[in-house]
């Protein structure tokens, strides 16, 4: 399976709630979700988030949110690599074989 992981932390300090703020008529996160859908490269598009409101918006725009991101991966110092690694491990733990991750 080819997996797209879109990281979307809830605690942005520079632009509060940036992932769900409207930009040109839709939430910011919708732009990433739609780009992943349109490219046709992925079997599954997920959003890794620690925030229920972001999860709801992401699902409304067609992404899946199969888990909530652990608190330790949702602070100001959590990098993208550990967040994606967590998503990969979650899928592997649930018996899904991944061929590509972006």
PDB file of N, CA and C in Angstrom:
ATOM      1  N   UNK A   1       0.837  -1.177   0.000  1.00  0.00           N
ATOM      2  CA  UNK A   1       0.000   0.000   0.000  1.00  0.00           C
ATOM      3  C   UNK A   1       0.885   1.245   0.000  1.00  0.00           C
ATOM      4  N   UNK A   2       0.485   2.235  -0.771  1.00  0.00           N
ATOM      5  CA  UNK A   2       1.172   3.527  -0.818  1.00  0.00           C
ATOM      6  C   UNK A   2       0.417   4.494   0.097  1.00  0.00           C
ATOM      7  N   UNK A   3       1.129   4.969   1.114  1.00  0.00           N
ATOM      8  CA  UNK A   3       0.515   5.769   2.177  1.00  0.00           C
ATOM      9  C   UNK A   3       0.980   7.213   2.129  1.00  0.00           C
ATOM     10  N   UNK A   4       0.034   8.129   2.246  1.00  0.00           N
ATOM     11  CA  UNK A   4       0.320   9.551   2.407  1.00  0.00           C
ATOM     12  C   UNK A   4       0.029   9.931   3.855  1.00  0.00           C
ATOM     13  N   UNK A   5       1.004  10.515   4.535  1.00  0.00           N
ATOM     14  CA  UNK A   5       0.838  10.966   5.917  1.00  0.00           C
ATOM     15  C   UNK A   5       0.915  12.490   5.932  1.00  0.00           C
ATOM     16  N   UNK A   6      -0.157  13.121   6.380  1.00  0.00           N
ATOM     17  CA  UNK A   6      -0.192  14.579   6.501  1.00  0.00           C
ATOM     18  C   UNK A   6      -0.152  14.922   7.990  1.00  0.00           C
ATOM     19  N   UNK A   7       0.963  15.482   8.478  1.00  0.00           N
ATOM     20  CA  UNK A   7       1.046  15.853   9.887  1.00  0.00           C
ATOM     21  C   UNK A   7       0.295  17.165  10.141  1.00  0.00           C
ATOM     22  N   UNK A   8      -0.494  17.201  11.207  1.00  0.00           N
ATOM     23  CA  UNK A   8      -1.268  18.408  11.524  1.00  0.00           C
ATOM     24  C   UNK A   8      -1.443  18.519  13.034  1.00  0.00           C
ATOM     25  N   UNK A   9      -0.482  19.149  13.661  1.00  0.00           N
ATOM     26  CA  UNK A   9      -0.507  19.319  15.114  1.00  0.00           C
ATOM     27  C   UNK A   9      -1.483  20.424  15.497  1.00  0.00           C
ATOM     28  N   UNK A  10      -2.108  20.272  16.631  1.00  0.00           N
ATOM     29  CA  UNK A  10      -3.096  21.247  17.072  1.00  0.00           C
ATOM     30  C   UNK A  10      -2.536  22.464  17.777  1.00  0.00           C
ATOM     31  N   UNK A  11      -1.300  22.436  18.226  1.00  0.00           N
ATOM     32  CA  UNK A  11      -0.799  23.500  19.090  1.00  0.00           C
ATOM     33  C   UNK A  11       0.060  24.556  18.447  1.00  0.00           C
ATOM     34  N   UNK A  12      -0.220  24.936  17.227  1.00  0.00           N
ATOM     35  CA  UNK A  12       0.589  25.959  16.569  1.00  0.00           C
ATOM     36  C   UNK A  12       0.548  27.264  17.364  1.00  0.00           C
ATOM     37  N   UNK A  13       1.716  27.860  17.555  1.00  0.00           N
ATOM     38  CA  UNK A  13       1.783  29.092  18.346  1.00  0.00           C
ATOM     39  C   UNK A  13       1.820  30.343  17.464  1.00  0.00           C
ATOM     40  N   UNK A  14       2.502  30.267  16.317  1.00  0.00           N
ATOM     41  CA  UNK A  14       2.600  31.454  15.455  1.00  0.00           C
ATOM     42  C   UNK A  14       1.263  31.791  14.811  1.00  0.00           C
ATOM     43  N   UNK A  15       0.561  30.771  14.324  1.00  0.00           N
ATOM     44  CA  UNK A  15      -0.762  30.969  13.727  1.00  0.00           C
ATOM     45  C   UNK A  15      -1.698  29.959  14.394  1.00  0.00           C
ATOM     46  N   UNK A  16      -2.332  30.359  15.491  1.00  0.00           N
ATOM     47  CA  UNK A  16      -3.202  29.423  16.209  1.00  0.00           C
ATOM     48  C   UNK A  16      -4.274  28.816  15.300  1.00  0.00           C
ATOM     49  N   UNK A  17      -4.460  27.500  15.431  1.00  0.00           N
ATOM     50  CA  UNK A  17      -5.479  26.734  14.697  1.00  0.00           C
ATOM     51  C   UNK A  17      -5.259  26.791  13.183  1.00  0.00           C
ATOM     52  N   UNK A  18      -3.997  26.956  12.759  1.00  0.00           N
ATOM     53  CA  UNK A  18      -3.701  27.181  11.343  1.00  0.00           C
ATOM     54  C   UNK A  18      -4.214  26.067  10.432  1.00  0.00           C
ATOM     55  N   UNK A  19      -4.195  24.842  10.895  1.00  0.00           N
ATOM     56  CA  UNK A  19      -4.609  23.738  10.032  1.00  0.00           C
ATOM     57  C   UNK A  19      -6.081  23.779   9.646  1.00  0.00           C
ATOM     58  N   UNK A  20      -6.894  24.419  10.470  1.00  0.00           N
ATOM     59  CA  UNK A  20      -8.327  24.478  10.157  1.00  0.00           C
ATOM     60  C   UNK A  20      -8.790  25.901   9.843  1.00  0.00           C
ATOM     61  N   UNK A  21      -7.865  26.833   9.829  1.00  0.00           N
ATOM     62  CA  UNK A  21      -8.202  28.203   9.420  1.00  0.00           C
ATOM     63  C   UNK A  21      -8.517  28.245   7.936  1.00  0.00           C
ATOM     64  N   UNK A  22      -9.470  29.056   7.592  1.00  0.00           N
ATOM     65  CA  UNK A  22      -9.854  29.166   6.192  1.00  0.00           C
ATOM     66  C   UNK A  22      -8.803  29.938   5.400  1.00  0.00           C
ATOM     67  N   UNK A  23      -8.518  29.429   4.208  1.00  0.00           N
ATOM     68  CA  UNK A  23      -7.594  30.075   3.285  1.00  0.00           C
ATOM     69  C   UNK A  23      -8.161  29.880   1.880  1.00  0.00           C
ATOM     70  N   UNK A  24      -8.524  30.968   1.237  1.00  0.00           N
ATOM     71  CA  UNK A  24      -9.098  30.920  -0.117  1.00  0.00           C
ATOM     72  C   UNK A  24     -10.299  29.967  -0.184  1.00  0.00           C
ATOM     73  N   UNK A  25     -11.146  30.053   0.821  1.00  0.00           N
ATOM     74  CA  UNK A  25     -12.415  29.332   0.773  1.00  0.00           C
ATOM     75  C   UNK A  25     -12.467  27.956   1.392  1.00  0.00           C
ATOM     76  N   UNK A  26     -11.355  27.465   1.916  1.00  0.00           N
ATOM     77  CA  UNK A  26     -11.386  26.160   2.580  1.00  0.00           C
ATOM     78  C   UNK A  26     -10.303  26.091   3.648  1.00  0.00           C
ATOM     79  N   UNK A  27     -10.438  25.149   4.574  1.00  0.00           N
ATOM     80  CA  UNK A  27      -9.419  25.029   5.627  1.00  0.00           C
ATOM     81  C   UNK A  27      -8.045  24.708   5.021  1.00  0.00           C
ATOM     82  N   UNK A  28      -7.007  25.212   5.649  1.00  0.00           N
ATOM     83  CA  UNK A  28      -5.642  24.986   5.157  1.00  0.00           C
ATOM     84  C   UNK A  28      -5.365  23.513   4.904  1.00  0.00           C
ATOM     85  N   UNK A  29      -5.786  22.652   5.817  1.00  0.00           N
ATOM     86  CA  UNK A  29      -5.489  21.228   5.668  1.00  0.00           C
ATOM     87  C   UNK A  29      -6.169  20.633   4.436  1.00  0.00           C
ATOM     88  N   UNK A  30      -7.275  21.218   4.017  1.00  0.00           N
ATOM     89  CA  UNK A  30      -7.988  20.718   2.840  1.00  0.00           C
ATOM     90  C   UNK A  30      -7.117  20.788   1.594  1.00  0.00           C
ATOM     91  N   UNK A  31      -6.268  21.801   1.499  1.00  0.00           N
ATOM     92  CA  UNK A  31      -5.393  21.952   0.337  1.00  0.00           C
ATOM     93  C   UNK A  31      -4.435  20.761   0.228  1.00  0.00           C
ATOM     94  N   UNK A  32      -3.859  20.338   1.336  1.00  0.00           N
ATOM     95  CA  UNK A  32      -2.950  19.185   1.326  1.00  0.00           C
ATOM     96  C   UNK A  32      -3.694  17.895   1.004  1.00  0.00           C
ATOM     97  N   UNK A  33      -4.851  17.731   1.598  1.00  0.00           N
ATOM     98  CA  UNK A  33      -5.646  16.524   1.359  1.00  0.00           C
ATOM     99  C   UNK A  33      -6.042  16.442  -0.108  1.00  0.00           C
ATOM    100  N   UNK A  34      -6.540  17.546  -0.654  1.00  0.00           N
ATOM    101  CA  UNK A  34      -6.959  17.538  -2.061  1.00  0.00           C
ATOM    102  C   UNK A  34      -5.781  17.301  -3.007  1.00  0.00           C
ATOM    103  N   UNK A  35      -4.621  17.863  -2.698  1.00  0.00           N
ATOM    104  CA  UNK A  35      -3.445  17.642  -3.545  1.00  0.00           C
ATOM    105  C   UNK A  35      -3.068  16.161  -3.554  1.00  0.00           C
ATOM    106  N   UNK A  36      -3.138  15.525  -2.402  1.00  0.00           N
ATOM    107  CA  UNK A  36      -2.825  14.093  -2.325  1.00  0.00           C
ATOM    108  C   UNK A  36      -3.862  13.266  -3.085  1.00  0.00           C
ATOM    109  N   UNK A  37      -5.127  13.669  -3.016  1.00  0.00           N
ATOM    110  CA  UNK A  37      -6.182  12.945  -3.732  1.00  0.00           C
ATOM    111  C   UNK A  37      -6.014  13.085  -5.247  1.00  0.00           C
ATOM    112  N   UNK A  38      -5.775  14.299  -5.704  1.00  0.00           N
ATOM    113  CA  UNK A  38      -5.700  14.597  -7.130  1.00  0.00           C
ATOM    114  C   UNK A  38      -4.495  13.924  -7.788  1.00  0.00           C
ATOM    115  N   UNK A  39      -3.399  13.787  -7.074  1.00  0.00           N
ATOM    116  CA  UNK A  39      -2.196  13.214  -7.688  1.00  0.00           C
ATOM    117  C   UNK A  39      -2.382  11.743  -8.045  1.00  0.00           C
ATOM    118  N   UNK A  40      -3.279  11.064  -7.342  1.00  0.00           N
ATOM    119  CA  UNK A  40      -3.563   9.672  -7.668  1.00  0.00           C
ATOM    120  C   UNK A  40      -2.453   8.699  -7.319  1.00  0.00           C
ATOM    121  N   UNK A  41      -1.531   9.098  -6.482  1.00  0.00           N
ATOM    122  CA  UNK A  41      -0.382   8.258  -6.135  1.00  0.00           C
ATOM    123  C   UNK A  41      -0.623   7.351  -4.930  1.00  0.00           C
ATOM    124  N   UNK A  42      -1.657   7.623  -4.153  1.00  0.00           N
ATOM    125  CA  UNK A  42      -1.791   6.979  -2.850  1.00  0.00           C
ATOM    126  C   UNK A  42      -3.010   6.067  -2.754  1.00  0.00           C
ATOM    127  N   UNK A  43      -2.822   4.973  -2.010  1.00  0.00           N
ATOM    128  CA  UNK A  43      -3.929   4.080  -1.698  1.00  0.00           C
ATOM    129  C   UNK A  43      -4.681   4.566  -0.462  1.00  0.00           C
ATOM    130  N   UNK A  44      -3.974   5.271   0.413  1.00  0.00           N
ATOM    131  CA  UNK A  44      -4.590   5.789   1.634  1.00  0.00           C
ATOM    132  C   UNK A  44      -3.956   7.128   1.983  1.00  0.00           C
ATOM    133  N   UNK A  45      -4.796   8.075   2.373  1.00  0.00           N
ATOM    134  CA  UNK A  45      -4.347   9.397   2.810  1.00  0.00           C
ATOM    135  C   UNK A  45      -4.799   9.555   4.248  1.00  0.00           C
ATOM    136  N   UNK A  46      -3.827   9.731   5.152  1.00  0.00           N
ATOM    137  CA  UNK A  46      -4.170   9.890   6.560  1.00  0.00           C
ATOM    138  C   UNK A  46      -3.639  11.225   7.078  1.00  0.00           C
ATOM    139  N   UNK A  47      -4.279  11.698   8.134  1.00  0.00           N
ATOM    140  CA  UNK A  47      -3.803  12.867   8.860  1.00  0.00           C
ATOM    141  C   UNK A  47      -3.386  12.389  10.242  1.00  0.00           C
ATOM    142  N   UNK A  48      -2.164  12.719  10.627  1.00  0.00           N
ATOM    143  CA  UNK A  48      -1.658  12.418  11.960  1.00  0.00           C
ATOM    144  C   UNK A  48      -1.823  13.681  12.787  1.00  0.00           C
ATOM    145  N   UNK A  49      -2.730  13.622  13.762  1.00  0.00           N
ATOM    146  CA  UNK A  49      -3.015  14.797  14.579  1.00  0.00           C
ATOM    147  C   UNK A  49      -3.272  14.399  16.023  1.00  0.00           C
ATOM    148  N   UNK A  50      -3.155  15.377  16.890  1.00  0.00           N
ATOM    149  CA  UNK A  50      -3.461  15.198  18.308  1.00  0.00           C
ATOM    150  C   UNK A  50      -4.743  15.950  18.672  1.00  0.00           C
ATOM    151  N   UNK A  51      -5.434  16.478  17.676  1.00  0.00           N
ATOM    152  CA  UNK A  51      -6.530  17.415  17.896  1.00  0.00           C
ATOM    153  C   UNK A  51      -7.830  16.900  17.260  1.00  0.00           C
ATOM    154  N   UNK A  52      -8.863  16.765  18.064  1.00  0.00           N
ATOM    155  CA  UNK A  52     -10.139  16.212  17.575  1.00  0.00           C
ATOM    156  C   UNK A  52     -10.788  17.091  16.511  1.00  0.00           C
ATOM    157  N   UNK A  53     -10.668  18.394  16.638  1.00  0.00           N
ATOM    158  CA  UNK A  53     -11.279  19.285  15.649  1.00  0.00           C
ATOM    159  C   UNK A  53     -10.566  19.172  14.295  1.00  0.00           C
ATOM    160  N   UNK A  54      -9.250  19.091  14.320  1.00  0.00           N
ATOM    161  CA  UNK A  54      -8.499  18.890  13.083  1.00  0.00           C
ATOM    162  C   UNK A  54      -8.887  17.552  12.467  1.00  0.00           C
ATOM    163  N   UNK A  55      -9.007  16.525  13.293  1.00  0.00           N
ATOM    164  CA  UNK A  55      -9.409  15.202  12.801  1.00  0.00           C
ATOM    165  C   UNK A  55     -10.767  15.271  12.105  1.00  0.00           C
ATOM    166  N   UNK A  56     -11.716  15.960  12.709  1.00  0.00           N
ATOM    167  CA  UNK A  56     -13.052  16.084  12.113  1.00  0.00           C
ATOM    168  C   UNK A  56     -13.003  16.790  10.757  1.00  0.00           C
ATOM    169  N   UNK A  57     -12.262  17.880  10.680  1.00  0.00           N
ATOM    170  CA  UNK A  57     -12.147  18.630   9.427  1.00  0.00           C
ATOM    171  C   UNK A  57     -11.448  17.767   8.369  1.00  0.00           C
ATOM    172  N   UNK A  58     -10.393  17.078   8.758  1.00  0.00           N
ATOM    173  CA  UNK A  58      -9.658  16.228   7.818  1.00  0.00           C
ATOM    174  C   UNK A  58     -10.566  15.145   7.240  1.00  0.00           C
ATOM    175  N   UNK A  59     -11.362  14.521   8.083  1.00  0.00           N
ATOM    176  CA  UNK A  59     -12.269  13.473   7.603  1.00  0.00           C
ATOM    177  C   UNK A  59     -13.345  14.054   6.688  1.00  0.00           C
ATOM    178  N   UNK A  60     -13.802  15.260   7.004  1.00  0.00           N
ATOM    179  CA  UNK A  60     -14.792  15.908   6.148  1.00  0.00           C
ATOM    180  C   UNK A  60     -14.252  16.114   4.736  1.00  0.00           C
ATOM    181  N   UNK A  61     -12.954  16.349   4.629  1.00  0.00           N
ATOM    182  CA  UNK A  61     -12.333  16.600   3.329  1.00  0.00           C
ATOM    183  C   UNK A  61     -11.783  15.326   2.687  1.00  0.00           C
ATOM    184  N   UNK A  62     -12.037  14.175   3.303  1.00  0.00           N
ATOM    185  CA  UNK A  62     -11.725  12.910   2.650  1.00  0.00           C
ATOM    186  C   UNK A  62     -10.504  12.159   3.133  1.00  0.00           C
ATOM    187  N   UNK A  63      -9.818  12.670   4.130  1.00  0.00           N
ATOM    188  CA  UNK A  63      -8.677  11.940   4.694  1.00  0.00           C
ATOM    189  C   UNK A  63      -9.181  10.998   5.783  1.00  0.00           C
ATOM    190  N   UNK A  64      -8.358  10.042   6.115  1.00  0.00           N
ATOM    191  CA  UNK A  64      -8.658   9.157   7.234  1.00  0.00           C
ATOM    192  C   UNK A  64      -7.830   9.595   8.436  1.00  0.00           C
ATOM    193  N   UNK A  65      -8.353   9.348   9.622  1.00  0.00           N
ATOM    194  CA  UNK A  65      -7.627   9.613  10.862  1.00  0.00           C
ATOM    195  C   UNK A  65      -7.759   8.343  11.706  1.00  0.00           C
ATOM    196  N   UNK A  66      -6.898   7.347  11.418  1.00  0.00           N
ATOM    197  CA  UNK A  66      -7.064   6.055  12.072  1.00  0.00           C
ATOM    198  C   UNK A  66      -6.607   6.004  13.526  1.00  0.00           C
ATOM    199  N   UNK A  67      -5.892   7.036  13.966  1.00  0.00           N
ATOM    200  CA  UNK A  67      -5.401   7.098  15.348  1.00  0.00           C
ATOM    201  C   UNK A  67      -5.203   8.567  15.704  1.00  0.00           C
ATOM    202  N   UNK A  68      -5.126   8.836  16.992  1.00  0.00           N
ATOM    203  CA  UNK A  68      -4.752  10.167  17.462  1.00  0.00           C
ATOM    204  C   UNK A  68      -3.270  10.113  17.829  1.00  0.00           C
ATOM    205  N   UNK A  69      -2.539  11.121  17.412  1.00  0.00           N
ATOM    206  CA  UNK A  69      -1.098  11.167  17.641  1.00  0.00           C
ATOM    207  C   UNK A  69      -0.797  11.252  19.139  1.00  0.00           C
ATOM    208  N   UNK A  70       0.191  10.495  19.614  1.00  0.00           N
ATOM    209  CA  UNK A  70       0.567  10.567  21.034  1.00  0.00           C
ATOM    210  C   UNK A  70       1.065  11.963  21.421  1.00  0.00           C
ATOM    211  N   UNK A  71       0.825  12.327  22.651  1.00  0.00           N
ATOM    212  CA  UNK A  71       1.224  13.642  23.172  1.00  0.00           C
ATOM    213  C   UNK A  71       2.716  13.884  22.976  1.00  0.00           C
ATOM    214  N   UNK A  72       3.538  12.857  23.155  1.00  0.00           N
ATOM    215  CA  UNK A  72       4.995  13.031  23.032  1.00  0.00           C
ATOM    216  C   UNK A  72       5.420  13.414  21.610  1.00  0.00           C
ATOM    217  N   UNK A  73       4.534  13.202  20.630  1.00  0.00           N
ATOM    218  CA  UNK A  73       4.835  13.585  19.248  1.00  0.00           C
ATOM    219  C   UNK A  73       4.038  14.814  18.808  1.00  0.00           C
ATOM    220  N   UNK A  74       3.542  15.570  19.786  1.00  0.00           N
ATOM    221  CA  UNK A  74       2.707  16.718  19.446  1.00  0.00           C
ATOM    222  C   UNK A  74       3.178  18.014  20.107  1.00  0.00           C
ATOM    223  N   UNK A  75       4.421  18.032  20.568  1.00  0.00           N
ATOM    224  CA  UNK A  75       4.903  19.266  21.180  1.00  0.00           C
ATOM    225  C   UNK A  75       5.696  20.092  20.167  1.00  0.00           C
ATOM    226  N   UNK A  76       6.233  21.205  20.611  1.00  0.00           N
ATOM    227  CA  UNK A  76       6.966  22.115  19.727  1.00  0.00           C
ATOM    228  C   UNK A  76       8.247  21.507  19.153  1.00  0.00           C
ATOM    229  N   UNK A  77       8.712  20.413  19.737  1.00  0.00           N
ATOM    230  CA  UNK A  77      10.000  19.850  19.341  1.00  0.00           C
ATOM    231  C   UNK A  77       9.871  18.559  18.531  1.00  0.00           C
ATOM    232  N   UNK A  78       8.652  18.093  18.325  1.00  0.00           N
ATOM    233  CA  UNK A  78       8.443  16.866  17.556  1.00  0.00           C
ATOM    234  C   UNK A  78       8.676  17.143  16.073  1.00  0.00           C
ATOM    235  N   UNK A  79       9.560  16.373  15.492  1.00  0.00           N
ATOM    236  CA  UNK A  79       9.857  16.539  14.074  1.00  0.00           C
ATOM    237  C   UNK A  79       8.963  15.672  13.200  1.00  0.00           C
ATOM    238  N   UNK A  80       9.012  15.934  11.915  1.00  0.00           N
ATOM    239  CA  UNK A  80       8.195  15.193  10.957  1.00  0.00           C
ATOM    240  C   UNK A  80       8.600  13.721  10.890  1.00  0.00           C
ATOM    241  N   UNK A  81       9.900  13.439  10.946  1.00  0.00           N
ATOM    242  CA  UNK A  81      10.361  12.051  10.812  1.00  0.00           C
ATOM    243  C   UNK A  81       9.777  11.138  11.892  1.00  0.00           C
ATOM    244  N   UNK A  82       9.820  11.500  13.174  1.00  0.00           N
ATOM    245  CA  UNK A  82       9.208  10.627  14.175  1.00  0.00           C
ATOM    246  C   UNK A  82       7.690  10.505  14.020  1.00  0.00           C
ATOM    247  N   UNK A  83       7.045  11.555  13.539  1.00  0.00           N
ATOM    248  CA  UNK A  83       5.595  11.514  13.328  1.00  0.00           C
ATOM    249  C   UNK A  83       5.248  10.523  12.220  1.00  0.00           C
ATOM    250  N   UNK A  84       5.991  10.574  11.125  1.00  0.00           N
ATOM    251  CA  UNK A  84       5.761   9.638  10.019  1.00  0.00           C
ATOM    252  C   UNK A  84       6.131   8.217  10.453  1.00  0.00           C
ATOM    253  N   UNK A  85       7.225   8.073  11.193  1.00  0.00           N
ATOM    254  CA  UNK A  85       7.630   6.752  11.685  1.00  0.00           C
ATOM    255  C   UNK A  85       6.536   6.151  12.575  1.00  0.00           C
ATOM    256  N   UNK A  86       5.904   6.971  13.392  1.00  0.00           N
ATOM    257  CA  UNK A  86       4.802   6.494  14.237  1.00  0.00           C
ATOM    258  C   UNK A  86       3.654   5.988  13.373  1.00  0.00           C
ATOM    259  N   UNK A  87       3.316   6.726  12.321  1.00  0.00           N
ATOM    260  CA  UNK A  87       2.225   6.317  11.424  1.00  0.00           C
ATOM    261  C   UNK A  87       2.569   5.005  10.725  1.00  0.00           C
ATOM    262  N   UNK A  88       3.807   4.861  10.286  1.00  0.00           N
ATOM    263  CA  UNK A  88       4.243   3.623   9.634  1.00  0.00           C
ATOM    264  C   UNK A  88       4.136   2.459  10.610  1.00  0.00           C
ATOM    265  N   UNK A  89       4.649   2.656  11.823  1.00  0.00           N
ATOM    266  CA  UNK A  89       4.593   1.589  12.833  1.00  0.00           C
ATOM    267  C   UNK A  89       3.157   1.219  13.155  1.00  0.00           C
ATOM    268  N   UNK A  90       2.276   2.189  13.248  1.00  0.00           N
ATOM    269  CA  UNK A  90       0.861   1.922  13.535  1.00  0.00           C
ATOM    270  C   UNK A  90       0.276   1.026  12.438  1.00  0.00           C
ATOM    271  N   UNK A  91       0.551   1.344  11.199  1.00  0.00           N
ATOM    272  CA  UNK A  91       0.031   0.541  10.090  1.00  0.00           C
ATOM    273  C   UNK A  91       0.608  -0.874  10.103  1.00  0.00           C
ATOM    274  N   UNK A  92       1.897  -0.985  10.355  1.00  0.00           N
ATOM    275  CA  UNK A  92       2.517  -2.302  10.420  1.00  0.00           C
ATOM    276  C   UNK A  92       1.950  -3.120  11.579  1.00  0.00           C
ATOM    277  N   UNK A  93       1.739  -2.478  12.720  1.00  0.00           N
ATOM    278  CA  UNK A  93       1.147  -3.158  13.874  1.00  0.00           C
ATOM    279  C   UNK A  93      -0.267  -3.642  13.591  1.00  0.00           C
ATOM    280  N   UNK A  94      -0.920  -3.027  12.630  1.00  0.00           N
ATOM    281  CA  UNK A  94      -2.283  -3.407  12.255  1.00  0.00           C
ATOM    282  C   UNK A  94      -2.319  -4.247  10.976  1.00  0.00           C
ATOM    283  N   UNK A  95      -1.179  -4.872  10.661  1.00  0.00           N
ATOM    284  CA  UNK A  95      -1.108  -5.844   9.586  1.00  0.00           C
ATOM    285  C   UNK A  95      -1.114  -5.298   8.180  1.00  0.00           C
ATOM    286  N   UNK A  96      -0.816  -4.032   8.025  1.00  0.00           N
ATOM    287  CA  UNK A  96      -0.813  -3.444   6.694  1.00  0.00           C
ATOM    288  C   UNK A  96       0.614  -3.374   6.155  1.00  0.00           C
ATOM    289  N   UNK A  97       0.811  -3.881   4.977  1.00  0.00           N
ATOM    290  CA  UNK A  97       2.113  -3.852   4.335  1.00  0.00           C
ATOM    291  C   UNK A  97       2.230  -2.590   3.499  1.00  0.00           C
ATOM    292  N   UNK A  98       3.238  -1.794   3.795  1.00  0.00           N
ATOM    293  CA  UNK A  98       3.446  -0.533   3.089  1.00  0.00           C
ATOM    294  C   UNK A  98       4.537  -0.690   2.045  1.00  0.00           C
ATOM    295  N   UNK A  99       4.297  -0.186   0.854  1.00  0.00           N
ATOM    296  CA  UNK A  99       5.305  -0.216  -0.213  1.00  0.00           C
ATOM    297  C   UNK A  99       5.943   1.155  -0.405  1.00  0.00           C
ATOM    298  N   UNK A 100       5.243   2.205  -0.012  1.00  0.00           N
ATOM    299  CA  UNK A 100       5.773   3.569  -0.129  1.00  0.00           C
ATOM    300  C   UNK A 100       5.055   4.449   0.884  1.00  0.00           C
ATOM    301  N   UNK A 101       5.785   5.452   1.389  1.00  0.00           N
ATOM    302  CA  UNK A 101       5.229   6.395   2.352  1.00  0.00           C
ATOM    303  C   UNK A 101       5.730   7.779   1.985  1.00  0.00           C
ATOM    304  N   UNK A 102       4.814   8.745   1.996  1.00  0.00           N
ATOM    305  CA  UNK A 102       5.169  10.117   1.668  1.00  0.00           C
ATOM    306  C   UNK A 102       4.510  11.020   2.687  1.00  0.00           C
TER     307      UNK A 102
END
